[in-house]
């Protein structure tokens, strides 16, 4: 997975952290959790606030 795989990342995060409210996560933790996902191979240098916002929103949509 790469940073551009927003929906796949959101699905993986919802499965890995089912008790977490995605509206309450800070971006530092979110980035660390994404990097820790199995199969994630992208560089943290390619991550930015807009990417994290998109991931967070996709995660919110996934659990809604």
PDB file of N, CA and C in Angstrom:
ATOM      1  N   UNK A   1       0.831  -1.182   0.000  1.00  0.00           N
ATOM      2  CA  UNK A   1       0.000   0.000   0.000  1.00  0.00           C
ATOM      3  C   UNK A   1       0.874   1.243   0.000  1.00  0.00           C
ATOM      4  N   UNK A   2       0.329   2.267  -0.581  1.00  0.00           N
ATOM      5  CA  UNK A   2       0.986   3.573  -0.628  1.00  0.00           C
ATOM      6  C   UNK A   2       0.029   4.615  -0.034  1.00  0.00           C
ATOM      7  N   UNK A   3       0.532   5.810   0.184  1.00  0.00           N
ATOM      8  CA  UNK A   3      -0.287   6.890   0.749  1.00  0.00           C
ATOM      9  C   UNK A   3      -1.510   7.185  -0.106  1.00  0.00           C
ATOM     10  N   UNK A   4      -1.417   6.918  -1.393  1.00  0.00           N
ATOM     11  CA  UNK A   4      -2.538   7.200  -2.299  1.00  0.00           C
ATOM     12  C   UNK A   4      -3.653   6.162  -2.211  1.00  0.00           C
ATOM     13  N   UNK A   5      -3.425   5.069  -1.508  1.00  0.00           N
ATOM     14  CA  UNK A   5      -4.438   4.020  -1.352  1.00  0.00           C
ATOM     15  C   UNK A   5      -5.346   4.338  -0.159  1.00  0.00           C
ATOM     16  N   UNK A   6      -5.985   5.492  -0.236  1.00  0.00           N
ATOM     17  CA  UNK A   6      -6.746   6.059   0.882  1.00  0.00           C
ATOM     18  C   UNK A   6      -7.806   5.082   1.409  1.00  0.00           C
ATOM     19  N   UNK A   7      -8.631   4.551   0.519  1.00  0.00           N
ATOM     20  CA  UNK A   7      -9.722   3.682   0.965  1.00  0.00           C
ATOM     21  C   UNK A   7      -9.208   2.370   1.548  1.00  0.00           C
ATOM     22  N   UNK A   8      -8.187   1.795   0.948  1.00  0.00           N
ATOM     23  CA  UNK A   8      -7.601   0.564   1.488  1.00  0.00           C
ATOM     24  C   UNK A   8      -7.017   0.807   2.876  1.00  0.00           C
ATOM     25  N   UNK A   9      -6.370   1.942   3.034  1.00  0.00           N
ATOM     26  CA  UNK A   9      -5.799   2.298   4.341  1.00  0.00           C
ATOM     27  C   UNK A   9      -6.911   2.453   5.372  1.00  0.00           C
ATOM     28  N   UNK A  10      -8.000   3.127   4.992  1.00  0.00           N
ATOM     29  CA  UNK A  10      -9.119   3.327   5.919  1.00  0.00           C
ATOM     30  C   UNK A  10      -9.713   1.997   6.364  1.00  0.00           C
ATOM     31  N   UNK A  11      -9.866   1.066   5.445  1.00  0.00           N
ATOM     32  CA  UNK A  11     -10.400  -0.256   5.783  1.00  0.00           C
ATOM     33  C   UNK A  11      -9.465  -0.971   6.744  1.00  0.00           C
ATOM     34  N   UNK A  12      -8.173  -0.945   6.434  1.00  0.00           N
ATOM     35  CA  UNK A  12      -7.182  -1.602   7.300  1.00  0.00           C
ATOM     36  C   UNK A  12      -7.161  -0.978   8.692  1.00  0.00           C
ATOM     37  N   UNK A  13      -7.249   0.341   8.763  1.00  0.00           N
ATOM     38  CA  UNK A  13      -7.243   1.013  10.071  1.00  0.00           C
ATOM     39  C   UNK A  13      -8.486   0.671  10.873  1.00  0.00           C
ATOM     40  N   UNK A  14      -9.638   0.605  10.212  1.00  0.00           N
ATOM     41  CA  UNK A  14     -10.871   0.279  10.936  1.00  0.00           C
ATOM     42  C   UNK A  14     -10.826  -1.138  11.479  1.00  0.00           C
ATOM     43  N   UNK A  15     -10.150  -2.042  10.768  1.00  0.00           N
ATOM     44  CA  UNK A  15     -10.011  -3.418  11.242  1.00  0.00           C
ATOM     45  C   UNK A  15      -8.935  -3.537  12.330  1.00  0.00           C
ATOM     46  N   UNK A  16      -7.865  -2.776  12.187  1.00  0.00           N
ATOM     47  CA  UNK A  16      -6.766  -2.845  13.153  1.00  0.00           C
ATOM     48  C   UNK A  16      -7.086  -2.130  14.469  1.00  0.00           C
ATOM     49  N   UNK A  17      -7.944  -1.117  14.392  1.00  0.00           N
ATOM     50  CA  UNK A  17      -8.265  -0.302  15.579  1.00  0.00           C
ATOM     51  C   UNK A  17      -9.781  -0.122  15.681  1.00  0.00           C
ATOM     52  N   UNK A  18     -10.516  -1.218  15.906  1.00  0.00           N
ATOM     53  CA  UNK A  18     -11.982  -1.141  15.887  1.00  0.00           C
ATOM     54  C   UNK A  18     -12.581  -0.276  16.999  1.00  0.00           C
ATOM     55  N   UNK A  19     -11.878  -0.086  18.088  1.00  0.00           N
ATOM     56  CA  UNK A  19     -12.413   0.698  19.199  1.00  0.00           C
ATOM     57  C   UNK A  19     -12.003   2.168  19.147  1.00  0.00           C
ATOM     58  N   UNK A  20     -11.259   2.546  18.130  1.00  0.00           N
ATOM     59  CA  UNK A  20     -10.778   3.934  18.024  1.00  0.00           C
ATOM     60  C   UNK A  20     -11.773   4.787  17.246  1.00  0.00           C
ATOM     61  N   UNK A  21     -12.066   5.956  17.782  1.00  0.00           N
ATOM     62  CA  UNK A  21     -12.898   6.932  17.073  1.00  0.00           C
ATOM     63  C   UNK A  21     -11.970   7.723  16.157  1.00  0.00           C
ATOM     64  N   UNK A  22     -12.107   7.571  14.835  1.00  0.00           N
ATOM     65  CA  UNK A  22     -11.190   8.256  13.924  1.00  0.00           C
ATOM     66  C   UNK A  22     -11.257   9.786  14.015  1.00  0.00           C
ATOM     67  N   UNK A  23     -12.313  10.311  14.608  1.00  0.00           N
ATOM     68  CA  UNK A  23     -12.409  11.766  14.761  1.00  0.00           C
ATOM     69  C   UNK A  23     -11.528  12.265  15.906  1.00  0.00           C
ATOM     70  N   UNK A  24     -11.045  11.350  16.728  1.00  0.00           N
ATOM     71  CA  UNK A  24     -10.266  11.746  17.907  1.00  0.00           C
ATOM     72  C   UNK A  24      -8.775  11.453  17.797  1.00  0.00           C
ATOM     73  N   UNK A  25      -8.336  10.967  16.660  1.00  0.00           N
ATOM     74  CA  UNK A  25      -6.922  10.627  16.513  1.00  0.00           C
ATOM     75  C   UNK A  25      -6.136  11.843  16.027  1.00  0.00           C
ATOM     76  N   UNK A  26      -4.945  12.003  16.572  1.00  0.00           N
ATOM     77  CA  UNK A  26      -4.099  13.098  16.084  1.00  0.00           C
ATOM     78  C   UNK A  26      -3.292  12.584  14.881  1.00  0.00           C
ATOM     79  N   UNK A  27      -2.807  13.495  14.078  1.00  0.00           N
ATOM     80  CA  UNK A  27      -2.156  13.119  12.824  1.00  0.00           C
ATOM     81  C   UNK A  27      -0.828  12.392  13.028  1.00  0.00           C
ATOM     82  N   UNK A  28      -0.145  12.653  14.118  1.00  0.00           N
ATOM     83  CA  UNK A  28       1.110  11.939  14.385  1.00  0.00           C
ATOM     84  C   UNK A  28       0.813  10.460  14.602  1.00  0.00           C
ATOM     85  N   UNK A  29      -0.178  10.168  15.441  1.00  0.00           N
ATOM     86  CA  UNK A  29      -0.558   8.775  15.676  1.00  0.00           C
ATOM     87  C   UNK A  29      -1.097   8.129  14.405  1.00  0.00           C
ATOM     88  N   UNK A  30      -1.912   8.867  13.671  1.00  0.00           N
ATOM     89  CA  UNK A  30      -2.476   8.340  12.431  1.00  0.00           C
ATOM     90  C   UNK A  30      -1.367   7.950  11.458  1.00  0.00           C
ATOM     91  N   UNK A  31      -0.406   8.810  11.278  1.00  0.00           N
ATOM     92  CA  UNK A  31       0.705   8.506  10.377  1.00  0.00           C
ATOM     93  C   UNK A  31       1.455   7.258  10.851  1.00  0.00           C
ATOM     94  N   UNK A  32       1.724   7.173  12.143  1.00  0.00           N
ATOM     95  CA  UNK A  32       2.433   6.008  12.686  1.00  0.00           C
ATOM     96  C   UNK A  32       1.634   4.727  12.505  1.00  0.00           C
ATOM     97  N   UNK A  33       0.331   4.795  12.682  1.00  0.00           N
ATOM     98  CA  UNK A  33      -0.515   3.611  12.505  1.00  0.00           C
ATOM     99  C   UNK A  33      -0.547   3.172  11.050  1.00  0.00           C
ATOM    100  N   UNK A  34      -0.599   4.132  10.142  1.00  0.00           N
ATOM    101  CA  UNK A  34      -0.598   3.792   8.712  1.00  0.00           C
ATOM    102  C   UNK A  34       0.715   3.110   8.352  1.00  0.00           C
ATOM    103  N   UNK A  35       1.817   3.688   8.776  1.00  0.00           N
ATOM    104  CA  UNK A  35       3.141   3.123   8.463  1.00  0.00           C
ATOM    105  C   UNK A  35       3.280   1.708   9.028  1.00  0.00           C
ATOM    106  N   UNK A  36       2.621   1.431  10.146  1.00  0.00           N
ATOM    107  CA  UNK A  36       2.713   0.122  10.788  1.00  0.00           C
ATOM    108  C   UNK A  36       1.801  -0.938  10.156  1.00  0.00           C
ATOM    109  N   UNK A  37       0.921  -0.533   9.252  1.00  0.00           N
ATOM    110  CA  UNK A  37       0.013  -1.507   8.635  1.00  0.00           C
ATOM    111  C   UNK A  37       0.788  -2.533   7.816  1.00  0.00           C
ATOM    112  N   UNK A  38       0.361  -3.800   7.870  1.00  0.00           N
ATOM    113  CA  UNK A  38       1.008  -4.823   7.045  1.00  0.00           C
ATOM    114  C   UNK A  38       0.838  -4.472   5.560  1.00  0.00           C
ATOM    115  N   UNK A  39       1.890  -4.562   4.826  1.00  0.00           N
ATOM    116  CA  UNK A  39       1.820  -4.288   3.397  1.00  0.00           C
ATOM    117  C   UNK A  39       2.014  -2.833   3.020  1.00  0.00           C
ATOM    118  N   UNK A  40       2.165  -1.964   4.015  1.00  0.00           N
ATOM    119  CA  UNK A  40       2.409  -0.554   3.701  1.00  0.00           C
ATOM    120  C   UNK A  40       3.885  -0.370   3.414  1.00  0.00           C
ATOM    121  N   UNK A  41       4.190   0.199   2.246  1.00  0.00           N
ATOM    122  CA  UNK A  41       5.589   0.273   1.812  1.00  0.00           C
ATOM    123  C   UNK A  41       6.049   1.671   1.396  1.00  0.00           C
ATOM    124  N   UNK A  42       5.202   2.671   1.564  1.00  0.00           N
ATOM    125  CA  UNK A  42       5.565   4.004   1.089  1.00  0.00           C
ATOM    126  C   UNK A  42       6.430   4.737   2.114  1.00  0.00           C
ATOM    127  N   UNK A  43       7.045   5.801   1.666  1.00  0.00           N
ATOM    128  CA  UNK A  43       7.947   6.618   2.478  1.00  0.00           C
ATOM    129  C   UNK A  43       7.148   7.692   3.217  1.00  0.00           C
ATOM    130  N   UNK A  44       7.496   7.945   4.473  1.00  0.00           N
ATOM    131  CA  UNK A  44       6.799   8.980   5.247  1.00  0.00           C
ATOM    132  C   UNK A  44       7.004  10.366   4.652  1.00  0.00           C
ATOM    133  N   UNK A  45       8.022  10.527   3.829  1.00  0.00           N
ATOM    134  CA  UNK A  45       8.250  11.830   3.184  1.00  0.00           C
ATOM    135  C   UNK A  45       7.134  12.173   2.196  1.00  0.00           C
ATOM    136  N   UNK A  46       6.382  11.168   1.770  1.00  0.00           N
ATOM    137  CA  UNK A  46       5.295  11.396   0.825  1.00  0.00           C
ATOM    138  C   UNK A  46       3.978  11.680   1.530  1.00  0.00           C
ATOM    139  N   UNK A  47       4.023  11.781   2.835  1.00  0.00           N
ATOM    140  CA  UNK A  47       2.827  12.030   3.632  1.00  0.00           C
ATOM    141  C   UNK A  47       2.753  13.508   4.011  1.00  0.00           C
ATOM    142  N   UNK A  48       1.536  14.029   3.968  1.00  0.00           N
ATOM    143  CA  UNK A  48       1.322  15.407   4.384  1.00  0.00           C
ATOM    144  C   UNK A  48      -0.039  15.545   5.042  1.00  0.00           C
ATOM    145  N   UNK A  49      -0.345  16.737   5.483  1.00  0.00           N
ATOM    146  CA  UNK A  49      -1.600  16.974   6.186  1.00  0.00           C
ATOM    147  C   UNK A  49      -2.811  16.637   5.325  1.00  0.00           C
ATOM    148  N   UNK A  50      -2.768  16.979   4.042  1.00  0.00           N
ATOM    149  CA  UNK A  50      -3.907  16.691   3.169  1.00  0.00           C
ATOM    150  C   UNK A  50      -4.134  15.193   3.016  1.00  0.00           C
ATOM    151  N   UNK A  51      -3.066  14.439   2.931  1.00  0.00           N
ATOM    152  CA  UNK A  51      -3.180  12.978   2.825  1.00  0.00           C
ATOM    153  C   UNK A  51      -3.782  12.420   4.105  1.00  0.00           C
ATOM    154  N   UNK A  52      -3.302  12.877   5.241  1.00  0.00           N
ATOM    155  CA  UNK A  52      -3.814  12.397   6.517  1.00  0.00           C
ATOM    156  C   UNK A  52      -5.277  12.790   6.710  1.00  0.00           C
ATOM    157  N   UNK A  53      -5.653  13.982   6.282  1.00  0.00           N
ATOM    158  CA  UNK A  53      -7.052  14.401   6.351  1.00  0.00           C
ATOM    159  C   UNK A  53      -7.928  13.490   5.496  1.00  0.00           C
ATOM    160  N   UNK A  54      -7.455  13.147   4.310  1.00  0.00           N
ATOM    161  CA  UNK A  54      -8.213  12.264   3.420  1.00  0.00           C
ATOM    162  C   UNK A  54      -8.355  10.870   4.027  1.00  0.00           C
ATOM    163  N   UNK A  55      -7.289  10.365   4.624  1.00  0.00           N
ATOM    164  CA  UNK A  55      -7.339   9.056   5.278  1.00  0.00           C
ATOM    165  C   UNK A  55      -8.314   9.095   6.448  1.00  0.00           C
ATOM    166  N   UNK A  56      -8.216  10.140   7.251  1.00  0.00           N
ATOM    167  CA  UNK A  56      -9.111  10.272   8.395  1.00  0.00           C
ATOM    168  C   UNK A  56     -10.571  10.312   7.934  1.00  0.00           C
ATOM    169  N   UNK A  57     -10.867  11.075   6.901  1.00  0.00           N
ATOM    170  CA  UNK A  57     -12.245  11.170   6.411  1.00  0.00           C
ATOM    171  C   UNK A  57     -12.729   9.837   5.853  1.00  0.00           C
ATOM    172  N   UNK A  58     -11.874   9.145   5.124  1.00  0.00           N
ATOM    173  CA  UNK A  58     -12.241   7.828   4.591  1.00  0.00           C
ATOM    174  C   UNK A  58     -12.492   6.849   5.733  1.00  0.00           C
ATOM    175  N   UNK A  59     -11.718   6.928   6.792  1.00  0.00           N
ATOM    176  CA  UNK A  59     -11.903   6.059   7.956  1.00  0.00           C
ATOM    177  C   UNK A  59     -13.240   6.387   8.631  1.00  0.00           C
ATOM    178  N   UNK A  60     -13.538   7.662   8.783  1.00  0.00           N
ATOM    179  CA  UNK A  60     -14.823   8.077   9.352  1.00  0.00           C
ATOM    180  C   UNK A  60     -15.966   7.519   8.514  1.00  0.00           C
ATOM    181  N   UNK A  61     -15.854   7.648   7.202  1.00  0.00           N
ATOM    182  CA  UNK A  61     -16.881   7.132   6.302  1.00  0.00           C
ATOM    183  C   UNK A  61     -17.010   5.613   6.417  1.00  0.00           C
ATOM    184  N   UNK A  62     -15.893   4.947   6.601  1.00  0.00           N
ATOM    185  CA  UNK A  62     -15.864   3.485   6.704  1.00  0.00           C
ATOM    186  C   UNK A  62     -16.618   2.991   7.933  1.00  0.00           C
ATOM    187  N   UNK A  63     -16.487   3.694   9.037  1.00  0.00           N
ATOM    188  CA  UNK A  63     -17.124   3.231  10.272  1.00  0.00           C
ATOM    189  C   UNK A  63     -18.520   3.827  10.491  1.00  0.00           C
ATOM    190  N   UNK A  64     -18.930   4.721   9.629  1.00  0.00           N
ATOM    191  CA  UNK A  64     -20.267   5.340   9.776  1.00  0.00           C
ATOM    192  C   UNK A  64     -21.353   4.446   9.226  1.00  0.00           C
TER     193      UNK A  64
END
